[in-house]
Every structure is written in C-alpha cells, then in structure tokens.
Amino acid sequence: MTQWLSVSCLLYIILNFSLPGCASLQIRDNIFSSPGEEYTVHIPEKGWEPVKTSDADMVLWNKQYNAMIALISSDRKSKEFSLEMLNKQLFIGMRDKEILVKEPVVVGNQKAIHTILASKIDDYTLKIDSYVIEKDNKIYDLVYWAPLDLFNYAQRDFENMVETFKYNRL
C-alpha cells in the first residue's frame, strides 16, 4: 500500500498542529535539501516562512497571500497504483473539483503529472497547483495552494521552485 496525504488532510494537520519556524529543515543559501538528501530545490526568498510539520518534507507559508507550498515524499510500497491514480489520491476529500489543467510533464528528468484545479474544502474555495512525480520506489508531491482570488499572486514562486527540483541520485 502506498502512503499518501491528500491536500485536504495536510491542510487540516498544518492549520491545526503546526508552528512557524524551521527546526530541522536543511536550508542553505535558499536551497532546501530533503531528508536523506534525495533532492534539492530552491525556495522563494521573499514572503515565505517555513512551517514545522512531521507530515511533509517541507511546508512554506505566505501570510500576505494566505498561500502554502508543501513538498511531500513517500515510499511506494506497491506498483499497483499508476501515476494517474496517485495524482487522484492527492485530492481526496475535496468537493466541487474543477480541473483547469492536467498534463504529463517532466520534473527533475522524471515523469510527472501536473494538475491545476479549483475546489472546496469546508467553506473555502482554493486553487491548487500540483506535481506528482514517480522515481524508483518513491512518490514526490509538490503542491501549492491559495484562496481562489489570491492564487495568481504567488504561483510563480511555486513554478520557479518546481523548475529547480533536482534529484541528487539519478
């Protein structure tokens, strides 16, 4: 079975149990190194603060735009789930989903699915930009979300991060 977190579950955990700060994150010169140093990614310089959580490799919060970025890696226990199915699992628990973009892409020289959608969680309408990447026996979810009316203001920061996503071991 594959371990995963849906965006709605991660939102609940972060908003209810997380504290601002960057306790054990490996960030040097705005480059984040994942636990185990499997990958690196450049993080935005202005407006983003690390948030402590044990359920993601890294979470960033932008107070001005009420936006978040999460980088999540998990072991893939079984090959029975396709990349498409893993992408769908990311959005479990959301209502009124409207898929705006869904396309195969390459991130860090690996196959990925890029999705942008609008959805409701509780009484909030969010817009979400995500990449689900499969490499060897790992799944990597790169996710950005913000309120619908504020989404475009910080999306470029997320896209810039995705462009710098690099595996340390190929």
N, C-alpha and C. Protein backbone atom coordinates (compact mmCIF):
# COMPACT_ATOMS: atom_id res chain seq x y z
N MET A 1 0.84 -1.18 0.00
CA MET A 1 0.00 0.00 0.00
C MET A 1 0.88 1.25 0.00
N THR A 2 0.48 2.23 -0.72
CA THR A 2 1.22 3.49 -0.81
C THR A 2 0.77 4.43 0.29
N GLN A 3 1.73 5.06 0.96
CA GLN A 3 1.37 6.09 1.94
C GLN A 3 1.21 7.39 1.19
N TRP A 4 0.21 8.17 1.56
CA TRP A 4 -0.02 9.44 0.89
C TRP A 4 -0.80 10.33 1.81
N LEU A 5 -0.77 11.58 1.49
CA LEU A 5 -1.58 12.57 2.19
C LEU A 5 -2.38 13.32 1.15
N SER A 6 -3.65 13.44 1.34
CA SER A 6 -4.41 14.29 0.45
C SER A 6 -4.17 15.73 0.87
N VAL A 7 -4.39 16.65 -0.04
CA VAL A 7 -4.20 18.06 0.27
C VAL A 7 -5.10 18.47 1.42
N SER A 8 -6.34 17.98 1.43
CA SER A 8 -7.27 18.36 2.50
C SER A 8 -6.78 17.87 3.85
N CYS A 9 -6.23 16.67 3.91
CA CYS A 9 -5.69 16.13 5.17
C CYS A 9 -4.47 16.95 5.61
N LEU A 10 -3.59 17.25 4.67
CA LEU A 10 -2.40 18.03 5.01
C LEU A 10 -2.79 19.42 5.49
N LEU A 11 -3.77 20.03 4.84
CA LEU A 11 -4.25 21.35 5.29
C LEU A 11 -4.72 21.29 6.72
N TYR A 12 -5.49 20.28 7.06
CA TYR A 12 -6.01 20.14 8.42
C TYR A 12 -4.86 20.04 9.42
N ILE A 13 -3.90 19.19 9.12
CA ILE A 13 -2.77 18.99 10.03
C ILE A 13 -1.97 20.28 10.20
N ILE A 14 -1.67 20.92 9.09
CA ILE A 14 -0.85 22.13 9.15
C ILE A 14 -1.57 23.24 9.89
N LEU A 15 -2.81 23.47 9.58
CA LEU A 15 -3.53 24.58 10.19
C LEU A 15 -3.85 24.36 11.65
N ASN A 16 -3.91 23.11 12.09
CA ASN A 16 -4.27 22.84 13.47
C ASN A 16 -3.11 22.46 14.38
N PHE A 17 -2.03 21.97 13.83
CA PHE A 17 -0.97 21.45 14.68
C PHE A 17 0.42 21.97 14.39
N SER A 18 0.59 22.89 13.46
CA SER A 18 1.92 23.35 13.08
C SER A 18 2.26 24.68 13.70
N LEU A 19 3.55 24.92 13.82
CA LEU A 19 4.06 26.16 14.38
C LEU A 19 5.04 26.78 13.41
N PRO A 20 5.08 28.11 13.30
CA PRO A 20 6.07 28.74 12.43
C PRO A 20 7.48 28.40 12.91
N GLY A 21 8.41 28.30 11.97
CA GLY A 21 9.79 28.02 12.31
C GLY A 21 10.38 26.98 11.39
N CYS A 22 11.66 26.78 11.49
CA CYS A 22 12.31 25.83 10.58
C CYS A 22 13.25 24.92 11.35
N ALA A 23 12.77 24.26 12.36
CA ALA A 23 13.57 23.47 13.29
C ALA A 23 14.67 22.65 12.62
N SER A 24 14.34 21.60 11.94
CA SER A 24 15.37 20.71 11.42
C SER A 24 15.44 20.74 9.90
N LEU A 25 14.89 21.75 9.26
CA LEU A 25 14.97 21.84 7.81
C LEU A 25 16.40 22.18 7.40
N GLN A 26 16.84 21.55 6.33
CA GLN A 26 18.18 21.82 5.81
C GLN A 26 18.06 22.86 4.70
N ILE A 27 18.22 24.13 5.07
CA ILE A 27 18.15 25.22 4.10
C ILE A 27 19.45 26.01 4.18
N ARG A 28 20.12 26.11 3.05
CA ARG A 28 21.36 26.89 2.98
C ARG A 28 21.33 27.67 1.67
N ASP A 29 21.52 28.98 1.76
CA ASP A 29 21.50 29.86 0.58
C ASP A 29 20.22 29.67 -0.23
N ASN A 30 19.10 29.56 0.47
CA ASN A 30 17.77 29.37 -0.13
C ASN A 30 17.64 28.08 -0.93
N ILE A 31 18.45 27.09 -0.62
CA ILE A 31 18.32 25.77 -1.24
C ILE A 31 17.95 24.78 -0.14
N PHE A 32 16.82 24.12 -0.33
CA PHE A 32 16.34 23.12 0.62
C PHE A 32 16.85 21.75 0.18
N SER A 33 17.42 20.99 1.12
CA SER A 33 17.81 19.60 0.89
C SER A 33 16.84 18.72 1.66
N SER A 34 16.24 17.78 0.96
CA SER A 34 15.25 16.90 1.58
C SER A 34 15.88 16.01 2.64
N PRO A 35 15.04 15.45 3.54
CA PRO A 35 15.56 14.46 4.49
C PRO A 35 16.21 13.33 3.69
N GLY A 36 17.38 12.93 4.07
CA GLY A 36 18.11 11.91 3.31
C GLY A 36 18.80 12.47 2.09
N GLU A 37 18.65 13.76 1.88
CA GLU A 37 19.28 14.48 0.76
C GLU A 37 19.02 13.82 -0.59
N GLU A 38 17.79 13.34 -0.80
CA GLU A 38 17.42 12.73 -2.08
C GLU A 38 17.26 13.78 -3.17
N TYR A 39 16.80 14.97 -2.79
CA TYR A 39 16.60 16.02 -3.78
C TYR A 39 16.87 17.39 -3.15
N THR A 40 17.06 18.37 -4.03
CA THR A 40 17.19 19.76 -3.60
C THR A 40 16.23 20.61 -4.42
N VAL A 41 15.88 21.76 -3.86
CA VAL A 41 15.00 22.70 -4.54
C VAL A 41 15.30 24.10 -4.00
N HIS A 42 15.28 25.08 -4.87
CA HIS A 42 15.46 26.48 -4.45
C HIS A 42 14.13 26.98 -3.90
N ILE A 43 14.17 27.62 -2.75
CA ILE A 43 12.93 28.13 -2.16
C ILE A 43 12.85 29.64 -2.38
N PRO A 44 11.63 30.18 -2.45
CA PRO A 44 11.47 31.62 -2.67
C PRO A 44 12.12 32.42 -1.55
N GLU A 45 12.63 33.58 -1.90
CA GLU A 45 13.34 34.40 -0.92
C GLU A 45 12.42 35.29 -0.10
N LYS A 46 11.41 35.86 -0.71
CA LYS A 46 10.62 36.88 -0.02
C LYS A 46 9.21 36.40 0.29
N GLY A 47 8.80 36.62 1.54
CA GLY A 47 7.41 36.39 1.91
C GLY A 47 7.06 34.98 2.36
N TRP A 48 7.97 34.04 2.25
CA TRP A 48 7.68 32.65 2.59
C TRP A 48 8.41 32.26 3.87
N GLU A 49 7.67 31.64 4.80
CA GLU A 49 8.23 31.20 6.08
C GLU A 49 8.06 29.69 6.21
N PRO A 50 9.11 28.98 6.64
CA PRO A 50 8.96 27.54 6.89
C PRO A 50 7.99 27.29 8.05
N VAL A 51 7.26 26.18 7.96
CA VAL A 51 6.32 25.75 8.99
C VAL A 51 6.73 24.36 9.44
N LYS A 52 6.79 24.13 10.75
CA LYS A 52 7.14 22.81 11.29
C LYS A 52 5.97 21.85 11.11
N THR A 53 6.24 20.71 10.56
CA THR A 53 5.27 19.62 10.48
C THR A 53 6.03 18.33 10.25
N SER A 54 5.51 17.25 10.77
CA SER A 54 6.18 15.96 10.57
C SER A 54 5.59 15.21 9.38
N ASP A 55 4.59 15.79 8.72
CA ASP A 55 3.90 15.08 7.65
C ASP A 55 4.34 15.47 6.25
N ALA A 56 5.33 16.32 6.14
CA ALA A 56 5.84 16.74 4.84
C ALA A 56 7.33 17.00 4.96
N ASP A 57 8.04 16.93 3.84
CA ASP A 57 9.47 17.24 3.87
C ASP A 57 9.67 18.71 4.21
N MET A 58 8.83 19.55 3.63
CA MET A 58 8.91 20.99 3.89
C MET A 58 7.57 21.63 3.57
N VAL A 59 7.19 22.60 4.40
CA VAL A 59 5.99 23.40 4.15
C VAL A 59 6.39 24.86 4.30
N LEU A 60 5.95 25.67 3.35
CA LEU A 60 6.19 27.11 3.39
C LEU A 60 4.85 27.83 3.44
N TRP A 61 4.80 28.92 4.19
CA TRP A 61 3.58 29.70 4.38
C TRP A 61 3.84 31.12 3.93
N ASN A 62 2.92 31.68 3.14
CA ASN A 62 2.99 33.07 2.73
C ASN A 62 1.79 33.78 3.33
N LYS A 63 2.03 34.55 4.36
CA LYS A 63 0.95 35.22 5.10
C LYS A 63 0.23 36.25 4.24
N GLN A 64 0.96 36.99 3.42
CA GLN A 64 0.36 38.04 2.61
C GLN A 64 -0.72 37.48 1.68
N TYR A 65 -0.46 36.34 1.07
CA TYR A 65 -1.40 35.76 0.11
C TYR A 65 -2.15 34.55 0.67
N ASN A 66 -1.96 34.26 1.95
CA ASN A 66 -2.62 33.13 2.59
C ASN A 66 -2.39 31.84 1.78
N ALA A 67 -1.15 31.67 1.35
CA ALA A 67 -0.79 30.57 0.46
C ALA A 67 0.19 29.63 1.15
N MET A 68 0.22 28.39 0.67
CA MET A 68 1.15 27.40 1.20
C MET A 68 1.76 26.59 0.07
N ILE A 69 2.98 26.14 0.32
CA ILE A 69 3.67 25.20 -0.57
C ILE A 69 4.09 24.02 0.30
N ALA A 70 3.85 22.81 -0.19
CA ALA A 70 4.28 21.61 0.53
C ALA A 70 5.05 20.71 -0.42
N LEU A 71 6.13 20.15 0.09
CA LEU A 71 6.90 19.13 -0.61
C LEU A 71 6.79 17.86 0.22
N ILE A 72 6.25 16.81 -0.38
CA ILE A 72 5.96 15.58 0.36
C ILE A 72 6.59 14.41 -0.40
N SER A 73 7.34 13.58 0.30
CA SER A 73 7.84 12.36 -0.32
C SER A 73 7.36 11.17 0.49
N SER A 74 7.07 10.09 -0.20
CA SER A 74 6.62 8.89 0.50
C SER A 74 7.13 7.67 -0.25
N ASP A 75 7.31 6.59 0.50
CA ASP A 75 7.73 5.33 -0.11
C ASP A 75 6.56 4.73 -0.86
N ARG A 76 6.87 4.15 -1.99
CA ARG A 76 5.86 3.45 -2.77
C ARG A 76 5.99 1.98 -2.45
N LYS A 77 4.98 1.45 -1.80
CA LYS A 77 5.03 0.06 -1.35
C LYS A 77 4.59 -0.92 -2.44
N SER A 78 3.85 -0.42 -3.43
CA SER A 78 3.30 -1.30 -4.46
C SER A 78 3.26 -0.56 -5.79
N LYS A 79 3.46 -1.29 -6.86
CA LYS A 79 3.39 -0.71 -8.20
C LYS A 79 1.96 -0.78 -8.76
N GLU A 80 1.00 -1.24 -7.94
CA GLU A 80 -0.36 -1.42 -8.45
C GLU A 80 -1.06 -0.09 -8.76
N PHE A 81 -0.57 1.01 -8.18
CA PHE A 81 -1.18 2.30 -8.44
C PHE A 81 -0.41 3.04 -9.52
N SER A 82 -1.12 3.47 -10.54
CA SER A 82 -0.48 4.25 -11.60
C SER A 82 -0.23 5.67 -11.12
N LEU A 83 0.57 6.39 -11.87
CA LEU A 83 0.82 7.80 -11.56
C LEU A 83 -0.49 8.57 -11.56
N GLU A 84 -1.38 8.23 -12.46
CA GLU A 84 -2.70 8.87 -12.54
C GLU A 84 -3.50 8.63 -11.26
N MET A 85 -3.49 7.40 -10.75
CA MET A 85 -4.21 7.10 -9.52
C MET A 85 -3.61 7.83 -8.32
N LEU A 86 -2.28 7.90 -8.28
CA LEU A 86 -1.62 8.62 -7.20
C LEU A 86 -1.97 10.10 -7.24
N ASN A 87 -2.09 10.64 -8.43
CA ASN A 87 -2.50 12.04 -8.59
C ASN A 87 -3.92 12.25 -8.05
N LYS A 88 -4.82 11.34 -8.36
CA LYS A 88 -6.21 11.47 -7.88
C LYS A 88 -6.28 11.40 -6.36
N GLN A 89 -5.45 10.56 -5.75
CA GLN A 89 -5.46 10.43 -4.29
C GLN A 89 -5.11 11.73 -3.59
N LEU A 90 -4.34 12.57 -4.25
CA LEU A 90 -3.93 13.84 -3.66
C LEU A 90 -5.13 14.74 -3.37
N PHE A 91 -6.21 14.55 -4.11
CA PHE A 91 -7.36 15.45 -4.00
C PHE A 91 -8.57 14.83 -3.32
N ILE A 92 -8.37 13.73 -2.62
CA ILE A 92 -9.47 13.10 -1.88
C ILE A 92 -9.95 14.05 -0.79
N GLY A 93 -11.24 14.12 -0.60
CA GLY A 93 -11.81 14.96 0.45
C GLY A 93 -12.21 16.35 -0.02
N MET A 94 -11.97 16.63 -1.28
CA MET A 94 -12.33 17.94 -1.81
C MET A 94 -13.66 17.84 -2.56
N ARG A 95 -14.41 18.93 -2.51
CA ARG A 95 -15.71 18.96 -3.18
C ARG A 95 -15.65 19.91 -4.37
N ASP A 96 -16.60 19.70 -5.27
CA ASP A 96 -16.79 20.61 -6.41
C ASP A 96 -15.48 20.88 -7.15
N LYS A 97 -14.75 19.82 -7.45
CA LYS A 97 -13.46 19.96 -8.13
C LYS A 97 -13.67 20.37 -9.58
N GLU A 98 -12.94 21.38 -9.99
CA GLU A 98 -12.93 21.80 -11.39
C GLU A 98 -11.48 21.75 -11.87
N ILE A 99 -11.19 20.77 -12.71
CA ILE A 99 -9.82 20.62 -13.21
C ILE A 99 -9.60 21.63 -14.33
N LEU A 100 -8.59 22.47 -14.16
CA LEU A 100 -8.28 23.52 -15.12
C LEU A 100 -7.13 23.12 -16.04
N VAL A 101 -6.18 22.38 -15.50
CA VAL A 101 -5.03 21.88 -16.26
C VAL A 101 -4.70 20.49 -15.75
N LYS A 102 -4.46 19.58 -16.67
CA LYS A 102 -3.98 18.24 -16.30
C LYS A 102 -3.14 17.75 -17.47
N GLU A 103 -1.84 17.58 -17.21
CA GLU A 103 -0.95 17.27 -18.31
C GLU A 103 0.25 16.46 -17.82
N PRO A 104 0.76 15.57 -18.68
CA PRO A 104 2.00 14.89 -18.34
C PRO A 104 3.16 15.86 -18.58
N VAL A 105 4.12 15.85 -17.67
CA VAL A 105 5.29 16.73 -17.77
C VAL A 105 6.51 15.96 -17.29
N VAL A 106 7.66 16.60 -17.36
CA VAL A 106 8.90 16.05 -16.82
C VAL A 106 9.41 17.02 -15.77
N VAL A 107 9.69 16.50 -14.57
CA VAL A 107 10.26 17.30 -13.48
C VAL A 107 11.49 16.55 -12.97
N GLY A 108 12.61 17.22 -12.92
CA GLY A 108 13.83 16.56 -12.45
C GLY A 108 14.18 15.34 -13.28
N ASN A 109 13.93 15.39 -14.58
CA ASN A 109 14.17 14.29 -15.52
C ASN A 109 13.32 13.05 -15.24
N GLN A 110 12.18 13.22 -14.56
CA GLN A 110 11.29 12.10 -14.26
C GLN A 110 9.87 12.42 -14.75
N LYS A 111 9.12 11.37 -15.07
CA LYS A 111 7.72 11.55 -15.47
C LYS A 111 6.91 12.10 -14.30
N ALA A 112 5.99 13.00 -14.63
CA ALA A 112 5.14 13.59 -13.60
C ALA A 112 3.80 13.96 -14.21
N ILE A 113 2.84 14.22 -13.33
CA ILE A 113 1.54 14.76 -13.75
C ILE A 113 1.38 16.12 -13.09
N HIS A 114 1.08 17.11 -13.92
CA HIS A 114 0.84 18.48 -13.44
C HIS A 114 -0.66 18.72 -13.48
N THR A 115 -1.20 19.19 -12.36
CA THR A 115 -2.64 19.46 -12.25
C THR A 115 -2.85 20.82 -11.60
N ILE A 116 -3.76 21.58 -12.17
CA ILE A 116 -4.25 22.80 -11.52
C ILE A 116 -5.75 22.64 -11.42
N LEU A 117 -6.29 22.85 -10.21
CA LEU A 117 -7.73 22.73 -10.04
C LEU A 117 -8.24 23.71 -9.01
N ALA A 118 -9.53 23.96 -9.10
CA ALA A 118 -10.23 24.75 -8.08
C ALA A 118 -11.14 23.79 -7.35
N SER A 119 -11.27 23.97 -6.04
CA SER A 119 -12.06 23.04 -5.24
C SER A 119 -12.48 23.68 -3.94
N LYS A 120 -13.42 23.02 -3.28
CA LYS A 120 -13.86 23.48 -1.96
C LYS A 120 -13.40 22.51 -0.89
N ILE A 121 -12.92 23.09 0.20
CA ILE A 121 -12.63 22.33 1.41
C ILE A 121 -13.35 23.07 2.51
N ASP A 122 -14.28 22.39 3.15
CA ASP A 122 -15.18 23.05 4.11
C ASP A 122 -15.87 24.20 3.38
N ASP A 123 -15.76 25.41 3.88
CA ASP A 123 -16.41 26.55 3.23
C ASP A 123 -15.43 27.41 2.44
N TYR A 124 -14.24 26.90 2.18
CA TYR A 124 -13.22 27.67 1.49
C TYR A 124 -13.05 27.18 0.06
N THR A 125 -12.93 28.11 -0.87
CA THR A 125 -12.62 27.76 -2.25
C THR A 125 -11.14 28.03 -2.47
N LEU A 126 -10.43 26.99 -2.84
CA LEU A 126 -8.99 27.07 -3.06
C LEU A 126 -8.67 26.75 -4.51
N LYS A 127 -7.54 27.24 -4.94
CA LYS A 127 -6.98 26.83 -6.22
C LYS A 127 -5.67 26.13 -5.88
N ILE A 128 -5.42 25.02 -6.53
CA ILE A 128 -4.29 24.16 -6.20
C ILE A 128 -3.48 23.86 -7.46
N ASP A 129 -2.18 23.95 -7.34
CA ASP A 129 -1.26 23.61 -8.42
C ASP A 129 -0.39 22.48 -7.88
N SER A 130 -0.33 21.36 -8.57
CA SER A 130 0.43 20.22 -8.04
C SER A 130 1.19 19.48 -9.13
N TYR A 131 2.25 18.84 -8.67
CA TYR A 131 3.04 17.93 -9.50
C TYR A 131 3.20 16.65 -8.70
N VAL A 132 2.87 15.53 -9.31
CA VAL A 132 3.09 14.22 -8.69
C VAL A 132 4.15 13.53 -9.54
N ILE A 133 5.26 13.18 -8.88
CA ILE A 133 6.42 12.62 -9.57
C ILE A 133 6.69 11.23 -9.02
N GLU A 134 7.04 10.32 -9.91
CA GLU A 134 7.39 8.96 -9.51
C GLU A 134 8.85 8.71 -9.88
N LYS A 135 9.62 8.25 -8.92
CA LYS A 135 11.02 7.87 -9.19
C LYS A 135 11.36 6.66 -8.33
N ASP A 136 11.75 5.60 -9.00
CA ASP A 136 12.09 4.36 -8.32
C ASP A 136 10.92 3.95 -7.42
N ASN A 137 11.15 3.79 -6.14
CA ASN A 137 10.09 3.39 -5.22
C ASN A 137 9.60 4.55 -4.36
N LYS A 138 9.68 5.76 -4.89
CA LYS A 138 9.25 6.95 -4.15
C LYS A 138 8.25 7.75 -4.98
N ILE A 139 7.38 8.43 -4.26
CA ILE A 139 6.43 9.37 -4.86
C ILE A 139 6.73 10.73 -4.25
N TYR A 140 6.78 11.74 -5.09
CA TYR A 140 7.04 13.11 -4.64
C TYR A 140 5.86 13.97 -5.06
N ASP A 141 5.26 14.65 -4.09
CA ASP A 141 4.16 15.57 -4.35
C ASP A 141 4.66 16.98 -4.07
N LEU A 142 4.57 17.84 -5.06
CA LEU A 142 4.91 19.25 -4.92
C LEU A 142 3.60 19.99 -5.08
N VAL A 143 3.16 20.70 -4.05
CA VAL A 143 1.81 21.26 -4.05
C VAL A 143 1.82 22.71 -3.58
N TYR A 144 1.09 23.54 -4.31
CA TYR A 144 0.88 24.95 -3.94
C TYR A 144 -0.62 25.19 -3.88
N TRP A 145 -1.09 25.88 -2.84
CA TRP A 145 -2.50 26.24 -2.79
C TRP A 145 -2.69 27.59 -2.14
N ALA A 146 -3.77 28.24 -2.57
CA ALA A 146 -4.11 29.57 -2.05
C ALA A 146 -5.59 29.81 -2.31
N PRO A 147 -6.19 30.79 -1.63
CA PRO A 147 -7.57 31.15 -1.94
C PRO A 147 -7.67 31.52 -3.43
N LEU A 148 -8.79 31.21 -4.01
CA LEU A 148 -9.00 31.41 -5.44
C LEU A 148 -8.61 32.82 -5.89
N ASP A 149 -9.01 33.83 -5.13
CA ASP A 149 -8.76 35.22 -5.55
C ASP A 149 -7.31 35.67 -5.33
N LEU A 150 -6.51 34.91 -4.60
CA LEU A 150 -5.11 35.29 -4.33
C LEU A 150 -4.10 34.36 -5.01
N PHE A 151 -4.58 33.31 -5.63
CA PHE A 151 -3.74 32.25 -6.18
C PHE A 151 -2.64 32.76 -7.11
N ASN A 152 -2.99 33.61 -8.06
CA ASN A 152 -2.04 34.03 -9.09
C ASN A 152 -0.88 34.86 -8.55
N TYR A 153 -1.04 35.49 -7.40
CA TYR A 153 -0.01 36.38 -6.88
C TYR A 153 1.28 35.65 -6.51
N ALA A 154 1.20 34.44 -6.04
CA ALA A 154 2.40 33.73 -5.60
C ALA A 154 2.66 32.44 -6.38
N GLN A 155 1.86 32.15 -7.38
CA GLN A 155 2.03 30.92 -8.14
C GLN A 155 3.40 30.86 -8.82
N ARG A 156 3.88 31.99 -9.30
CA ARG A 156 5.18 32.00 -9.99
C ARG A 156 6.31 31.54 -9.05
N ASP A 157 6.21 31.88 -7.77
CA ASP A 157 7.20 31.40 -6.80
C ASP A 157 7.24 29.87 -6.80
N PHE A 158 6.06 29.25 -6.82
CA PHE A 158 5.98 27.80 -6.83
C PHE A 158 6.54 27.23 -8.13
N GLU A 159 6.16 27.80 -9.25
CA GLU A 159 6.65 27.31 -10.54
C GLU A 159 8.17 27.42 -10.62
N ASN A 160 8.72 28.50 -10.08
CA ASN A 160 10.19 28.64 -10.04
C ASN A 160 10.81 27.53 -9.20
N MET A 161 10.17 27.17 -8.08
CA MET A 161 10.67 26.06 -7.25
C MET A 161 10.68 24.76 -8.05
N VAL A 162 9.58 24.48 -8.72
CA VAL A 162 9.47 23.24 -9.48
C VAL A 162 10.57 23.15 -10.54
N GLU A 163 10.86 24.27 -11.18
CA GLU A 163 11.90 24.29 -12.21
C GLU A 163 13.28 23.96 -11.65
N THR A 164 13.49 24.17 -10.35
CA THR A 164 14.80 23.90 -9.74
C THR A 164 14.86 22.55 -9.04
N PHE A 165 13.75 21.81 -9.03
CA PHE A 165 13.70 20.50 -8.36
C PHE A 165 14.71 19.57 -9.03
N LYS A 166 15.64 19.03 -8.23
CA LYS A 166 16.71 18.22 -8.78
C LYS A 166 17.00 17.04 -7.86
N TYR A 167 17.08 15.85 -8.45
CA TYR A 167 17.46 14.66 -7.69
C TYR A 167 18.97 14.63 -7.53
N ASN A 168 19.41 14.26 -6.34
CA ASN A 168 20.85 14.17 -6.09
C ASN A 168 21.42 12.84 -6.53
N ARG A 169 20.57 11.83 -6.63
CA ARG A 169 21.00 10.50 -7.08
C ARG A 169 20.11 10.07 -8.23
N LEU A 170 20.67 9.94 -9.40
CA LEU A 170 19.87 9.52 -10.56
C LEU A 170 20.04 8.06 -10.85
